[in-house]
N, C-alpha and C. Protein backbone atom coordinates (compact mmCIF):
# COMPACT_ATOMS: atom_id res chain seq x y z
N MET A 1 0.64 -1.30 -0.03
CA MET A 1 0.11 -0.15 -0.14
C MET A 1 0.76 1.11 -0.05
N GLU A 2 1.10 2.23 -0.77
CA GLU A 2 1.51 3.02 -1.31
C GLU A 2 0.42 4.26 -1.18
N GLN A 3 1.32 5.31 -0.21
CA GLN A 3 0.29 6.50 0.28
C GLN A 3 0.30 7.44 -0.81
N GLU A 4 -0.73 8.31 -1.37
CA GLU A 4 -0.23 8.78 -2.59
C GLU A 4 -0.44 10.31 -1.92
N THR A 5 1.04 11.01 -2.14
CA THR A 5 0.67 12.42 -2.18
C THR A 5 0.01 13.33 -2.69
N HIS A 6 -0.78 14.12 -2.42
CA HIS A 6 -1.48 15.29 -3.43
C HIS A 6 -0.09 16.38 -3.16
N THR A 7 -0.25 17.02 -5.05
CA THR A 7 0.92 17.72 -4.72
C THR A 7 0.20 19.17 -5.68
N TRP A 8 0.17 20.26 -5.80
CA TRP A 8 -1.31 21.05 -6.49
C TRP A 8 -0.16 22.12 -7.78
N GLY A 9 -0.82 21.89 -7.92
CA GLY A 9 -0.56 22.16 -9.69
C GLY A 9 0.01 23.57 -9.56
N PRO A 10 0.69 23.84 -11.04
CA PRO A 10 0.22 25.23 -10.56
C PRO A 10 -0.50 26.34 -11.24
N VAL A 11 -1.21 25.97 -11.68
CA VAL A 11 -2.79 26.01 -11.92
C VAL A 11 -3.52 26.21 -10.90
N SER A 12 -3.54 25.33 -9.84
CA SER A 12 -4.36 25.55 -8.35
C SER A 12 -4.27 26.31 -8.09
N LEU A 13 -2.74 26.33 -7.51
CA LEU A 13 -2.10 27.08 -6.86
C LEU A 13 -2.31 28.63 -6.98
N ILE A 14 -2.16 28.70 -8.64
CA ILE A 14 -3.05 30.47 -8.30
C ILE A 14 -4.32 31.06 -8.13
N LEU A 15 -5.12 29.99 -8.22
CA LEU A 15 -6.18 30.00 -8.33
C LEU A 15 -6.12 30.10 -7.36
N ALA A 16 -5.22 29.39 -5.60
CA ALA A 16 -5.87 29.47 -4.58
C ALA A 16 -5.56 30.43 -4.02
N ILE A 17 -4.38 31.44 -4.56
CA ILE A 17 -3.79 32.06 -4.40
C ILE A 17 -4.66 34.25 -4.65
N ALA A 18 -4.82 33.77 -5.20
CA ALA A 18 -5.99 34.74 -6.28
C ALA A 18 -7.05 34.75 -5.18
N ALA A 19 -7.36 33.74 -5.28
CA ALA A 19 -8.53 33.96 -4.81
C ALA A 19 -8.64 33.91 -2.94
N GLY A 20 -7.96 34.09 -2.47
CA GLY A 20 -7.35 34.30 -0.65
C GLY A 20 -7.38 35.83 -1.21
N LEU A 21 -6.33 36.13 -2.52
CA LEU A 21 -6.63 38.24 -2.34
C LEU A 21 -7.56 38.80 -2.50
N VAL A 22 -8.91 37.88 -3.10
CA VAL A 22 -9.75 38.96 -3.21
C VAL A 22 -10.75 38.24 -2.41
N ILE A 23 -10.53 37.26 -1.46
CA ILE A 23 -11.33 37.43 0.41
C ILE A 23 -11.21 37.89 1.16
N GLY A 24 -9.53 37.77 1.25
CA GLY A 24 -8.86 38.56 2.21
C GLY A 24 -8.67 40.50 1.45
N GLY A 25 -8.88 40.22 0.59
CA GLY A 25 -9.31 42.06 0.66
C GLY A 25 -10.84 42.23 0.84
N LEU A 26 -11.55 41.48 0.31
CA LEU A 26 -13.04 41.82 1.29
C LEU A 26 -13.23 41.78 2.47
N ALA A 27 -12.11 40.42 2.92
CA ALA A 27 -12.23 41.28 4.00
C ALA A 27 -12.33 42.63 4.93
N LEU A 28 -10.76 42.89 4.53
CA LEU A 28 -10.12 43.48 5.27
C LEU A 28 -11.21 44.71 4.84
N GLY A 29 -11.33 45.37 2.98
CA GLY A 29 -12.28 46.08 3.36
C GLY A 29 -13.92 46.89 4.18
N ALA A 30 -14.52 45.14 4.52
CA ALA A 30 -15.49 45.36 5.57
C ALA A 30 -14.93 45.64 7.30
N ALA A 31 -13.96 45.25 6.98
CA ALA A 31 -13.51 46.23 9.02
C ALA A 31 -13.27 47.15 8.60
N PHE A 32 -12.71 47.82 7.42
CA PHE A 32 -12.33 49.27 7.54
C PHE A 32 -13.89 50.19 7.43
N TRP A 33 -14.30 49.25 6.54
CA TRP A 33 -16.36 50.78 6.42
C TRP A 33 -16.45 50.07 8.51
N VAL A 34 -16.46 48.84 8.63
CA VAL A 34 -17.15 48.82 9.96
C VAL A 34 -16.61 50.15 11.21
N LEU A 35 -15.45 50.31 11.00
CA LEU A 35 -13.91 51.02 12.02
C LEU A 35 -14.53 52.14 11.72
N GLY A 36 -14.60 52.50 10.18
CA GLY A 36 -14.84 54.13 10.18
C GLY A 36 -15.99 54.91 10.61
N ILE A 37 -17.67 54.05 10.18
CA ILE A 37 -18.59 53.92 11.07
C ILE A 37 -18.28 54.52 12.28
N LEU A 38 -17.16 53.08 13.88
CA LEU A 38 -17.58 53.33 13.99
C LEU A 38 -16.59 54.88 15.17
N ALA A 39 -15.74 54.90 13.69
CA ALA A 39 -15.29 57.00 13.96
C ALA A 39 -16.07 57.36 14.26
N GLY A 40 -16.81 57.12 13.15
CA GLY A 40 -18.01 59.01 13.21
C GLY A 40 -19.05 58.65 13.44
N LEU A 41 -19.30 57.80 14.33
CA LEU A 41 -20.14 57.50 15.64
C LEU A 41 -19.16 59.01 17.04
N VAL A 42 -17.86 57.85 17.18
CA VAL A 42 -17.32 58.16 18.67
C VAL A 42 -17.50 59.94 18.08
N PHE A 43 -16.33 60.26 17.05
CA PHE A 43 -16.72 61.68 17.13
C PHE A 43 -17.21 63.13 16.32
N GLY A 44 -17.98 61.83 16.32
CA GLY A 44 -20.35 62.14 16.84
C GLY A 44 -20.56 63.31 17.37
N LEU A 45 -20.38 62.45 18.70
CA LEU A 45 -20.54 62.25 20.22
C LEU A 45 -19.59 63.02 20.60
N LEU A 46 -17.92 63.19 20.42
CA LEU A 46 -17.52 63.82 21.50
C LEU A 46 -17.61 65.43 20.18
N ARG A 47 -17.93 65.13 19.85
CA ARG A 47 -18.21 67.08 19.04
C ARG A 47 -20.04 67.93 18.90
N VAL A 48 -20.51 66.67 19.82
CA VAL A 48 -21.85 67.14 20.65
C VAL A 48 -21.52 68.06 21.89
N ALA A 49 -20.06 66.16 22.57
CA ALA A 49 -20.44 66.81 24.27
C ALA A 49 -18.85 67.78 23.99
N VAL A 50 -18.38 68.47 23.15
CA VAL A 50 -17.73 69.92 23.12
C VAL A 50 -18.38 70.96 22.77
N LEU A 51 -19.12 69.97 21.99
CA LEU A 51 -20.87 71.94 22.34
C LEU A 51 -21.68 71.90 23.50
N ILE A 52 -22.22 70.73 24.16
CA ILE A 52 -22.80 70.88 25.76
C ILE A 52 -21.77 71.76 26.17
N GLY A 53 -19.85 70.90 26.89
CA GLY A 53 -19.67 71.77 27.54
C GLY A 53 -18.95 73.50 27.29
N LEU A 54 -19.47 73.61 25.79
CA LEU A 54 -18.79 75.00 25.45
C LEU A 54 -20.27 75.91 26.45
N ALA A 55 -20.82 75.09 25.64
CA ALA A 55 -22.51 76.64 26.64
C ALA A 55 -22.57 76.40 27.54
N ALA A 56 -22.41 75.24 28.50
CA ALA A 56 -21.82 75.27 30.06
C ALA A 56 -21.32 75.88 30.01
N LEU A 57 -19.84 76.49 29.35
CA LEU A 57 -18.83 77.78 30.80
C LEU A 57 -19.55 78.69 30.04
N VAL A 58 -20.00 78.68 29.29
CA VAL A 58 -20.61 80.22 29.09
C VAL A 58 -21.94 80.22 29.73
N VAL A 59 -22.91 79.88 29.69
CA VAL A 59 -23.32 80.15 31.04
C VAL A 59 -23.50 79.65 32.41
N TRP A 60 -22.07 79.05 32.96
CA TRP A 60 -21.73 79.87 34.65
C TRP A 60 -21.16 80.86 33.87
N GLY A 61 -20.37 80.70 32.96
CA GLY A 61 -19.90 82.54 32.98
C GLY A 61 -20.39 83.43 33.40
N VAL A 62 -21.95 83.23 32.65
CA VAL A 62 -22.62 84.23 32.72
C VAL A 62 -23.38 84.75 34.32
N ARG A 63 -23.45 83.34 34.62
CA ARG A 63 -23.63 83.51 35.62
C ARG A 63 -22.63 83.53 36.64
N SER A 64 -21.53 83.70 36.84
CA SER A 64 -20.68 84.76 37.62
C SER A 64 -20.36 86.13 37.60
N VAL A 65 -20.67 86.33 36.01
CA VAL A 65 -20.94 87.61 35.97
C VAL A 65 -21.78 88.31 36.59
N PHE A 66 -22.62 88.01 35.95
CA PHE A 66 -24.23 88.68 35.89
C PHE A 66 -25.33 88.01 36.98
N GLY A 67 -24.87 87.14 37.74
CA GLY A 67 -25.15 86.65 39.40
C GLY A 67 -26.07 87.99 40.56
N ARG A 68 -26.31 87.44 40.74
CA ARG A 68 -27.10 88.08 42.10
C ARG A 68 -26.25 88.45 43.07
N ASN A 69 -25.54 87.11 44.05
CA ASN A 69 -24.70 87.62 44.57
C ASN A 69 -23.49 87.47 44.08
N HIS A 70 -23.14 88.62 43.70
CA HIS A 70 -21.60 89.16 43.08
C HIS A 70 -21.45 89.47 43.76
N SER A 71 -19.67 90.46 44.06
CA SER A 71 -19.60 91.16 45.01
C SER A 71 -17.68 91.19 44.75
N ARG A 72 -17.72 93.12 45.00
CA ARG A 72 -17.15 93.06 44.52
C ARG A 72 -16.36 93.36 45.00
N TYR A 73 -14.46 93.68 44.32
CA TYR A 73 -13.42 93.83 45.79
C TYR A 73 -13.60 94.89 45.52
């Protein structure tokens, strides 16, 4: 009983490499697409947080300048 070994022919090897490149490229593209969506959401939330912080700073500044308990030195 001899054991047969399967060897890849040049055409099969080229097709396997091409399929791997296509599948890998699609997977990488999908990963970057998802990361882009997540980055957009994070930066959108960060923009809203900065606007809320600036508004709170303006309100705090106006209250401290024009507040009732404002004491002058």
